[in-house]
Amino acid sequence: MERGKSNGMNFVAGAVVGGAIGAIAALLLAPRTGEETRALIKKRVNEVGKDLKEMKDNIEPKLRKARDELARKMQGRESMR
């Protein structure tokens, strides 16, 4: 993987984790009833779940392509022996 792509993925992962931490802190520190807080947590968990699924759906084809390319290169090396 190119270095720029790796740094981009690291940034996205950091942004997701940082956003989740910030959202949790905001929910726990906001003056709401327990019922309201639980409803907000449930909503946020569902949103994060959808975001993670979308990320998986975007990354999965790229990983398959990289795996297939690596397998082809390995087969090429074995046939050279």
C-alpha atoms as a PDB file:
ATOM      1  CA  MET A   1       0.000   0.000   0.000  1.00  0.00           C
ATOM      2  CA  GLU A   2       1.276   3.440  -0.787  1.00  0.00           C
ATOM      3  CA  ARG A   3       2.260   5.583   2.146  1.00  0.00           C
ATOM      4  CA  GLY A   4      -0.279   8.321   1.354  1.00  0.00           C
ATOM      5  CA  LYS A   5      -3.150   5.841   1.342  1.00  0.00           C
ATOM      6  CA  SER A   6      -1.973   4.364   4.638  1.00  0.00           C
ATOM      7  CA  ASN A   7      -1.828   7.798   6.224  1.00  0.00           C
ATOM      8  CA  GLY A   8      -5.291   8.565   4.883  1.00  0.00           C
ATOM      9  CA  MET A   9      -6.721   5.396   6.407  1.00  0.00           C
ATOM     10  CA  ASN A  10      -5.017   6.187   9.711  1.00  0.00           C
ATOM     11  CA  PHE A  11      -6.584   9.641   9.649  1.00  0.00           C
ATOM     12  CA  VAL A  12     -10.054   8.243   8.942  1.00  0.00           C
ATOM     13  CA  ALA A  13      -9.700   5.642  11.703  1.00  0.00           C
ATOM     14  CA  GLY A  14      -8.510   8.321  14.132  1.00  0.00           C
ATOM     15  CA  ALA A  15     -11.380  10.594  13.183  1.00  0.00           C
ATOM     16  CA  VAL A  16     -13.931   7.818  13.745  1.00  0.00           C
ATOM     17  CA  VAL A  17     -12.458   6.870  17.123  1.00  0.00           C
ATOM     18  CA  GLY A  18     -12.129  10.511  18.187  1.00  0.00           C
ATOM     19  CA  GLY A  19     -15.682  11.246  17.107  1.00  0.00           C
ATOM     20  CA  ALA A  20     -16.991   8.264  19.042  1.00  0.00           C
ATOM     21  CA  ILE A  21     -15.120   9.300  22.186  1.00  0.00           C
ATOM     22  CA  GLY A  22     -16.392  12.858  21.864  1.00  0.00           C
ATOM     23  CA  ALA A  23     -19.959  11.699  21.317  1.00  0.00           C
ATOM     24  CA  ILE A  24     -19.840   9.421  24.355  1.00  0.00           C
ATOM     25  CA  ALA A  25     -18.402  12.179  26.533  1.00  0.00           C
ATOM     26  CA  ALA A  26     -21.058  14.636  25.340  1.00  0.00           C
ATOM     27  CA  LEU A  27     -23.836  12.160  26.027  1.00  0.00           C
ATOM     28  CA  LEU A  28     -22.611  11.319  29.502  1.00  0.00           C
ATOM     29  CA  LEU A  29     -21.922  14.902  30.537  1.00  0.00           C
ATOM     30  CA  ALA A  30     -25.086  16.511  29.130  1.00  0.00           C
ATOM     31  CA  PRO A  31     -27.876  17.290  31.612  1.00  0.00           C
ATOM     32  CA  ARG A  32     -30.530  14.779  30.455  1.00  0.00           C
ATOM     33  CA  THR A  33     -32.683  12.149  32.049  1.00  0.00           C
ATOM     34  CA  GLY A  34     -31.505   8.549  31.973  1.00  0.00           C
ATOM     35  CA  GLU A  35     -34.188   7.669  29.445  1.00  0.00           C
ATOM     36  CA  GLU A  36     -33.119  10.480  27.102  1.00  0.00           C
ATOM     37  CA  THR A  37     -29.453   9.524  27.459  1.00  0.00           C
ATOM     38  CA  ARG A  38     -30.174   5.854  26.690  1.00  0.00           C
ATOM     39  CA  ALA A  39     -32.187   6.851  23.614  1.00  0.00           C
ATOM     40  CA  LEU A  40     -29.325   9.047  22.378  1.00  0.00           C
ATOM     41  CA  ILE A  41     -26.760   6.313  23.022  1.00  0.00           C
ATOM     42  CA  LYS A  42     -28.892   3.827  21.085  1.00  0.00           C
ATOM     43  CA  LYS A  43     -29.179   6.286  18.200  1.00  0.00           C
ATOM     44  CA  ARG A  44     -25.427   6.944  18.164  1.00  0.00           C
ATOM     45  CA  VAL A  45     -24.598   3.236  18.318  1.00  0.00           C
ATOM     46  CA  ASN A  46     -26.858   2.619  15.326  1.00  0.00           C
ATOM     47  CA  GLU A  47     -25.199   5.480  13.418  1.00  0.00           C
ATOM     48  CA  VAL A  48     -21.708   4.187  14.202  1.00  0.00           C
ATOM     49  CA  GLY A  49     -22.776   0.688  13.166  1.00  0.00           C
ATOM     50  CA  LYS A  50     -23.991   2.003   9.821  1.00  0.00           C
ATOM     51  CA  ASP A  51     -20.760   3.991   9.358  1.00  0.00           C
ATOM     52  CA  LEU A  52     -18.628   0.930  10.136  1.00  0.00           C
ATOM     53  CA  LYS A  53     -20.626  -1.202   7.703  1.00  0.00           C
ATOM     54  CA  GLU A  54     -20.168   1.432   5.006  1.00  0.00           C
ATOM     55  CA  MET A  55     -16.419   1.530   5.689  1.00  0.00           C
ATOM     56  CA  LYS A  56     -16.260  -2.285   5.529  1.00  0.00           C
ATOM     57  CA  ASP A  57     -18.198  -2.289   2.263  1.00  0.00           C
ATOM     58  CA  ASN A  58     -15.752   0.243   0.802  1.00  0.00           C
ATOM     59  CA  ILE A  59     -12.588  -1.470   2.054  1.00  0.00           C
ATOM     60  CA  GLU A  60     -13.526  -5.086   1.363  1.00  0.00           C
ATOM     61  CA  PRO A  61     -13.244  -4.933  -2.468  1.00  0.00           C
ATOM     62  CA  LYS A  62      -9.883  -3.179  -2.172  1.00  0.00           C
ATOM     63  CA  LEU A  63      -8.579  -5.874   0.158  1.00  0.00           C
ATOM     64  CA  ARG A  64      -9.787  -8.610  -2.200  1.00  0.00           C
ATOM     65  CA  LYS A  65      -8.066  -6.908  -5.121  1.00  0.00           C
ATOM     66  CA  ALA A  66      -4.814  -6.577  -3.155  1.00  0.00           C
ATOM     67  CA  ARG A  67      -5.053 -10.256  -2.092  1.00  0.00           C
ATOM     68  CA  ASP A  68      -5.606 -11.368  -5.684  1.00  0.00           C
ATOM     69  CA  GLU A  69      -2.694  -9.267  -6.944  1.00  0.00           C
ATOM     70  CA  LEU A  70      -0.421 -10.717  -4.272  1.00  0.00           C
ATOM     71  CA  ALA A  71      -1.520 -14.259  -5.147  1.00  0.00           C
ATOM     72  CA  ARG A  72      -0.752 -13.622  -8.841  1.00  0.00           C
ATOM     73  CA  LYS A  73       2.691 -12.259  -7.980  1.00  0.00           C
ATOM     74  CA  MET A  74       3.422 -15.232  -5.744  1.00  0.00           C
ATOM     75  CA  GLN A  75       2.338 -17.664  -8.482  1.00  0.00           C
ATOM     76  CA  GLY A  76       4.595 -15.835 -10.938  1.00  0.00           C
ATOM     77  CA  ARG A  77       7.569 -16.214  -8.603  1.00  0.00           C
ATOM     78  CA  GLU A  78       6.887 -19.913  -8.027  1.00  0.00           C
ATOM     79  CA  SER A  79       6.731 -20.574 -11.760  1.00  0.00           C
ATOM     80  CA  MET A  80      10.136 -18.890 -12.186  1.00  0.00           C
ATOM     81  CA  ARG A  81      11.804 -21.469  -9.920  1.00  0.00           C
END
